[in-house]
Structure formats: structure tokens, C-alpha cells
Amino acid sequence: MVLLNNGIDLINRGKNILELTEELVNIESVSNTEGVIEIGNYIHDKLEEWPYFQENPEHLLKLPLRNDNMNRFNLAALVKG
């Protein structure tokens, strides 16, 4: 196990990043398809699991696009430091 001074496990962090990347690229998200909505929901749901957004849900927003027949949205996330 490789740890930084603050106790972060670099090996597991790298595995988690790789797993997340694989999950994201497996979602087909071509413009003007349902995949765009699917990947947006996936990212939203992942962020919603973070303790910060559980404590501050108002900092994670789905902003619907106006007059969009596909019901797409922009995703906004704010993390205050």
C-alpha cells in the first residue's frame, strides 16, 4: 500500500479512477440520443453519493434545458472549500 502524508491510499484511488473511467466510457452518449441523459444521470448519481453533496444537496443541480423535447439537462456542482 502506498500512502501520502494525509493517509490517501494511492493504489486504491488509482483503481477507483480506472473503474469510474471504464464505467463512463461504456455509456454510449452520442449527441441527441438518450445516452446523453443516461450519462448525465449517472454522473449526478455518483456525485450524490459523496458525503459533501449529502450534506449540501442544494450544491448539486440538474438544470433542465428550455424547450428541449428530449428533457436534457445541464449538471451543476459546487464544492465550497
N, C-alpha and C. Protein backbone atom coordinates (compact mmCIF):
# COMPACT_ATOMS: atom_id res chain seq x y z
N MET A 1 0.85 -1.17 0.00
CA MET A 1 0.00 0.00 0.00
C MET A 1 0.90 1.24 0.00
N VAL A 2 0.60 2.19 -0.86
CA VAL A 2 1.35 3.44 -0.93
C VAL A 2 0.44 4.55 -0.40
N LEU A 3 0.89 5.22 0.68
CA LEU A 3 0.09 6.27 1.30
C LEU A 3 0.79 7.62 1.19
N LEU A 4 0.01 8.66 0.98
CA LEU A 4 0.52 10.02 1.07
C LEU A 4 0.53 10.43 2.53
N ASN A 5 1.12 11.58 2.83
CA ASN A 5 1.18 12.08 4.21
C ASN A 5 -0.20 12.18 4.85
N ASN A 6 -1.22 12.46 4.05
CA ASN A 6 -2.57 12.62 4.62
C ASN A 6 -3.34 11.29 4.67
N GLY A 7 -2.66 10.19 4.40
CA GLY A 7 -3.28 8.87 4.54
C GLY A 7 -4.05 8.40 3.33
N ILE A 8 -3.94 9.07 2.19
CA ILE A 8 -4.66 8.65 0.98
C ILE A 8 -3.95 7.46 0.37
N ASP A 9 -4.68 6.40 0.14
CA ASP A 9 -4.16 5.17 -0.47
C ASP A 9 -4.11 5.36 -1.99
N LEU A 10 -2.93 5.58 -2.54
CA LEU A 10 -2.79 5.86 -3.96
C LEU A 10 -3.17 4.67 -4.84
N ILE A 11 -2.89 3.46 -4.39
CA ILE A 11 -3.20 2.27 -5.20
C ILE A 11 -4.71 2.15 -5.39
N ASN A 12 -5.47 2.21 -4.28
CA ASN A 12 -6.93 2.10 -4.39
C ASN A 12 -7.54 3.29 -5.09
N ARG A 13 -6.99 4.49 -4.88
CA ARG A 13 -7.51 5.67 -5.58
C ARG A 13 -7.35 5.46 -7.09
N GLY A 14 -6.20 4.97 -7.51
CA GLY A 14 -5.98 4.71 -8.93
C GLY A 14 -6.94 3.67 -9.49
N LYS A 15 -7.20 2.61 -8.71
CA LYS A 15 -8.17 1.59 -9.15
C LYS A 15 -9.56 2.18 -9.26
N ASN A 16 -9.94 3.02 -8.30
CA ASN A 16 -11.27 3.64 -8.34
C ASN A 16 -11.41 4.56 -9.55
N ILE A 17 -10.36 5.31 -9.85
CA ILE A 17 -10.40 6.20 -11.02
C ILE A 17 -10.52 5.38 -12.30
N LEU A 18 -9.77 4.29 -12.38
CA LEU A 18 -9.84 3.42 -13.56
C LEU A 18 -11.23 2.81 -13.71
N GLU A 19 -11.81 2.32 -12.62
CA GLU A 19 -13.15 1.74 -12.66
C GLU A 19 -14.18 2.77 -13.10
N LEU A 20 -14.10 3.99 -12.56
CA LEU A 20 -15.04 5.04 -12.93
C LEU A 20 -14.89 5.39 -14.41
N THR A 21 -13.66 5.49 -14.88
CA THR A 21 -13.42 5.79 -16.29
C THR A 21 -14.02 4.72 -17.18
N GLU A 22 -13.83 3.46 -16.83
CA GLU A 22 -14.40 2.35 -17.62
C GLU A 22 -15.92 2.42 -17.62
N GLU A 23 -16.52 2.72 -16.47
CA GLU A 23 -17.98 2.82 -16.40
C GLU A 23 -18.49 3.96 -17.29
N LEU A 24 -17.78 5.09 -17.28
CA LEU A 24 -18.21 6.24 -18.08
C LEU A 24 -18.10 5.97 -19.57
N VAL A 25 -16.99 5.37 -20.01
CA VAL A 25 -16.83 5.15 -21.45
C VAL A 25 -17.73 4.04 -21.97
N ASN A 26 -18.27 3.22 -21.07
CA ASN A 26 -19.22 2.18 -21.50
C ASN A 26 -20.63 2.71 -21.71
N ILE A 27 -20.87 3.96 -21.35
CA ILE A 27 -22.19 4.57 -21.59
C ILE A 27 -22.12 5.30 -22.92
N GLU A 28 -22.87 4.84 -23.88
CA GLU A 28 -22.89 5.48 -25.20
C GLU A 28 -23.65 6.80 -25.08
N SER A 29 -22.93 7.89 -25.29
CA SER A 29 -23.54 9.21 -25.09
C SER A 29 -23.32 10.09 -26.31
N VAL A 30 -23.88 9.67 -27.41
CA VAL A 30 -23.80 10.42 -28.66
C VAL A 30 -24.81 11.56 -28.61
N SER A 31 -24.41 12.71 -29.13
CA SER A 31 -25.30 13.88 -29.14
C SER A 31 -26.67 13.53 -29.70
N ASN A 32 -27.69 14.12 -29.08
CA ASN A 32 -29.08 13.96 -29.50
C ASN A 32 -29.59 12.52 -29.38
N THR A 33 -29.06 11.78 -28.39
CA THR A 33 -29.58 10.44 -28.11
C THR A 33 -29.89 10.35 -26.61
N GLU A 34 -30.60 9.31 -26.23
CA GLU A 34 -30.93 9.08 -24.82
C GLU A 34 -29.67 8.88 -23.98
N GLY A 35 -28.56 8.48 -24.61
CA GLY A 35 -27.32 8.26 -23.88
C GLY A 35 -26.82 9.51 -23.19
N VAL A 36 -27.11 10.67 -23.76
CA VAL A 36 -26.69 11.93 -23.14
C VAL A 36 -27.40 12.10 -21.79
N ILE A 37 -28.65 11.73 -21.74
CA ILE A 37 -29.40 11.81 -20.48
C ILE A 37 -28.89 10.75 -19.51
N GLU A 38 -28.61 9.56 -20.03
CA GLU A 38 -28.14 8.47 -19.19
C GLU A 38 -26.81 8.82 -18.51
N ILE A 39 -25.87 9.37 -19.26
CA ILE A 39 -24.57 9.68 -18.65
C ILE A 39 -24.69 10.84 -17.67
N GLY A 40 -25.56 11.79 -17.97
CA GLY A 40 -25.80 12.88 -17.03
C GLY A 40 -26.37 12.37 -15.72
N ASN A 41 -27.33 11.46 -15.82
CA ASN A 41 -27.91 10.86 -14.61
C ASN A 41 -26.88 10.04 -13.85
N TYR A 42 -26.04 9.32 -14.57
CA TYR A 42 -25.00 8.51 -13.94
C TYR A 42 -24.05 9.39 -13.13
N ILE A 43 -23.57 10.47 -13.75
CA ILE A 43 -22.64 11.38 -13.06
C ILE A 43 -23.33 12.01 -11.85
N HIS A 44 -24.57 12.44 -12.03
CA HIS A 44 -25.33 13.03 -10.92
C HIS A 44 -25.43 12.03 -9.76
N ASP A 45 -25.80 10.79 -10.08
CA ASP A 45 -25.98 9.78 -9.03
C ASP A 45 -24.67 9.49 -8.31
N LYS A 46 -23.56 9.46 -9.03
CA LYS A 46 -22.26 9.23 -8.40
C LYS A 46 -21.92 10.38 -7.45
N LEU A 47 -22.10 11.61 -7.91
CA LEU A 47 -21.81 12.76 -7.06
C LEU A 47 -22.73 12.80 -5.84
N GLU A 48 -23.96 12.38 -6.03
CA GLU A 48 -24.94 12.40 -4.94
C GLU A 48 -24.52 11.47 -3.79
N GLU A 49 -23.67 10.48 -4.08
CA GLU A 49 -23.18 9.55 -3.06
C GLU A 49 -22.09 10.18 -2.19
N TRP A 50 -21.47 11.23 -2.65
CA TRP A 50 -20.38 11.86 -1.90
C TRP A 50 -20.93 12.50 -0.63
N PRO A 51 -20.23 12.33 0.49
CA PRO A 51 -20.69 12.93 1.74
C PRO A 51 -20.93 14.44 1.62
N TYR A 52 -20.09 15.15 0.86
CA TYR A 52 -20.27 16.60 0.74
C TYR A 52 -21.66 16.93 0.17
N PHE A 53 -22.07 16.22 -0.89
CA PHE A 53 -23.35 16.53 -1.51
C PHE A 53 -24.52 15.96 -0.72
N GLN A 54 -24.28 14.96 0.12
CA GLN A 54 -25.32 14.50 1.03
C GLN A 54 -25.59 15.56 2.09
N GLU A 55 -24.52 16.26 2.50
CA GLU A 55 -24.67 17.34 3.49
C GLU A 55 -25.12 18.65 2.85
N ASN A 56 -24.86 18.82 1.54
CA ASN A 56 -25.19 20.06 0.83
C ASN A 56 -25.89 19.75 -0.50
N PRO A 57 -27.05 19.11 -0.46
CA PRO A 57 -27.71 18.71 -1.71
C PRO A 57 -28.07 19.89 -2.61
N GLU A 58 -28.18 21.08 -2.03
CA GLU A 58 -28.51 22.25 -2.85
C GLU A 58 -27.34 22.67 -3.74
N HIS A 59 -26.17 22.07 -3.55
CA HIS A 59 -25.00 22.37 -4.37
C HIS A 59 -24.86 21.43 -5.56
N LEU A 60 -25.81 20.54 -5.75
CA LEU A 60 -25.81 19.62 -6.89
C LEU A 60 -27.15 19.77 -7.60
N LEU A 61 -27.10 20.31 -8.80
CA LEU A 61 -28.33 20.67 -9.50
C LEU A 61 -28.41 20.08 -10.90
N LYS A 62 -29.61 19.62 -11.26
CA LYS A 62 -29.94 19.30 -12.65
C LYS A 62 -30.74 20.49 -13.17
N LEU A 63 -30.21 21.14 -14.18
CA LEU A 63 -30.86 22.33 -14.73
C LEU A 63 -31.44 21.98 -16.10
N PRO A 64 -32.76 21.82 -16.19
CA PRO A 64 -33.40 21.43 -17.45
C PRO A 64 -33.14 22.45 -18.56
N LEU A 65 -32.94 21.94 -19.77
CA LEU A 65 -32.82 22.81 -20.94
C LEU A 65 -34.21 23.28 -21.35
N ARG A 66 -34.32 24.54 -21.66
CA ARG A 66 -35.62 25.09 -22.08
C ARG A 66 -36.01 24.55 -23.45
N ASN A 67 -37.28 24.28 -23.59
CA ASN A 67 -37.85 23.87 -24.88
C ASN A 67 -37.12 22.69 -25.51
N ASP A 68 -36.70 21.75 -24.69
CA ASP A 68 -35.97 20.58 -25.18
C ASP A 68 -36.90 19.37 -25.15
N ASN A 69 -37.20 18.83 -26.30
CA ASN A 69 -38.15 17.72 -26.37
C ASN A 69 -37.56 16.40 -25.85
N MET A 70 -36.23 16.38 -25.58
CA MET A 70 -35.61 15.17 -25.05
C MET A 70 -35.45 15.24 -23.52
N ASN A 71 -35.84 16.37 -22.92
CA ASN A 71 -35.72 16.57 -21.48
C ASN A 71 -34.28 16.45 -20.98
N ARG A 72 -33.35 17.00 -21.76
CA ARG A 72 -31.96 17.01 -21.35
C ARG A 72 -31.73 18.09 -20.30
N PHE A 73 -30.57 18.05 -19.68
CA PHE A 73 -30.27 18.99 -18.61
C PHE A 73 -28.77 19.24 -18.54
N ASN A 74 -28.43 20.37 -17.93
CA ASN A 74 -27.05 20.63 -17.54
C ASN A 74 -26.90 20.20 -16.09
N LEU A 75 -25.73 19.73 -15.75
CA LEU A 75 -25.45 19.34 -14.38
C LEU A 75 -24.49 20.35 -13.77
N ALA A 76 -24.85 20.91 -12.63
CA ALA A 76 -24.01 21.89 -11.95
C ALA A 76 -23.69 21.37 -10.55
N ALA A 77 -22.41 21.43 -10.20
CA ALA A 77 -21.97 21.00 -8.87
C ALA A 77 -21.03 22.06 -8.32
N LEU A 78 -21.30 22.46 -7.10
CA LEU A 78 -20.48 23.47 -6.42
C LEU A 78 -19.90 22.86 -5.15
N VAL A 79 -18.58 22.94 -5.03
CA VAL A 79 -17.92 22.48 -3.80
C VAL A 79 -17.21 23.68 -3.20
N LYS A 80 -17.65 24.09 -2.04
CA LYS A 80 -17.02 25.21 -1.35
C LYS A 80 -15.88 24.68 -0.50
N GLY A 81 -14.75 25.37 -0.59
CA GLY A 81 -13.57 24.91 0.15
C GLY A 81 -13.31 25.71 1.39
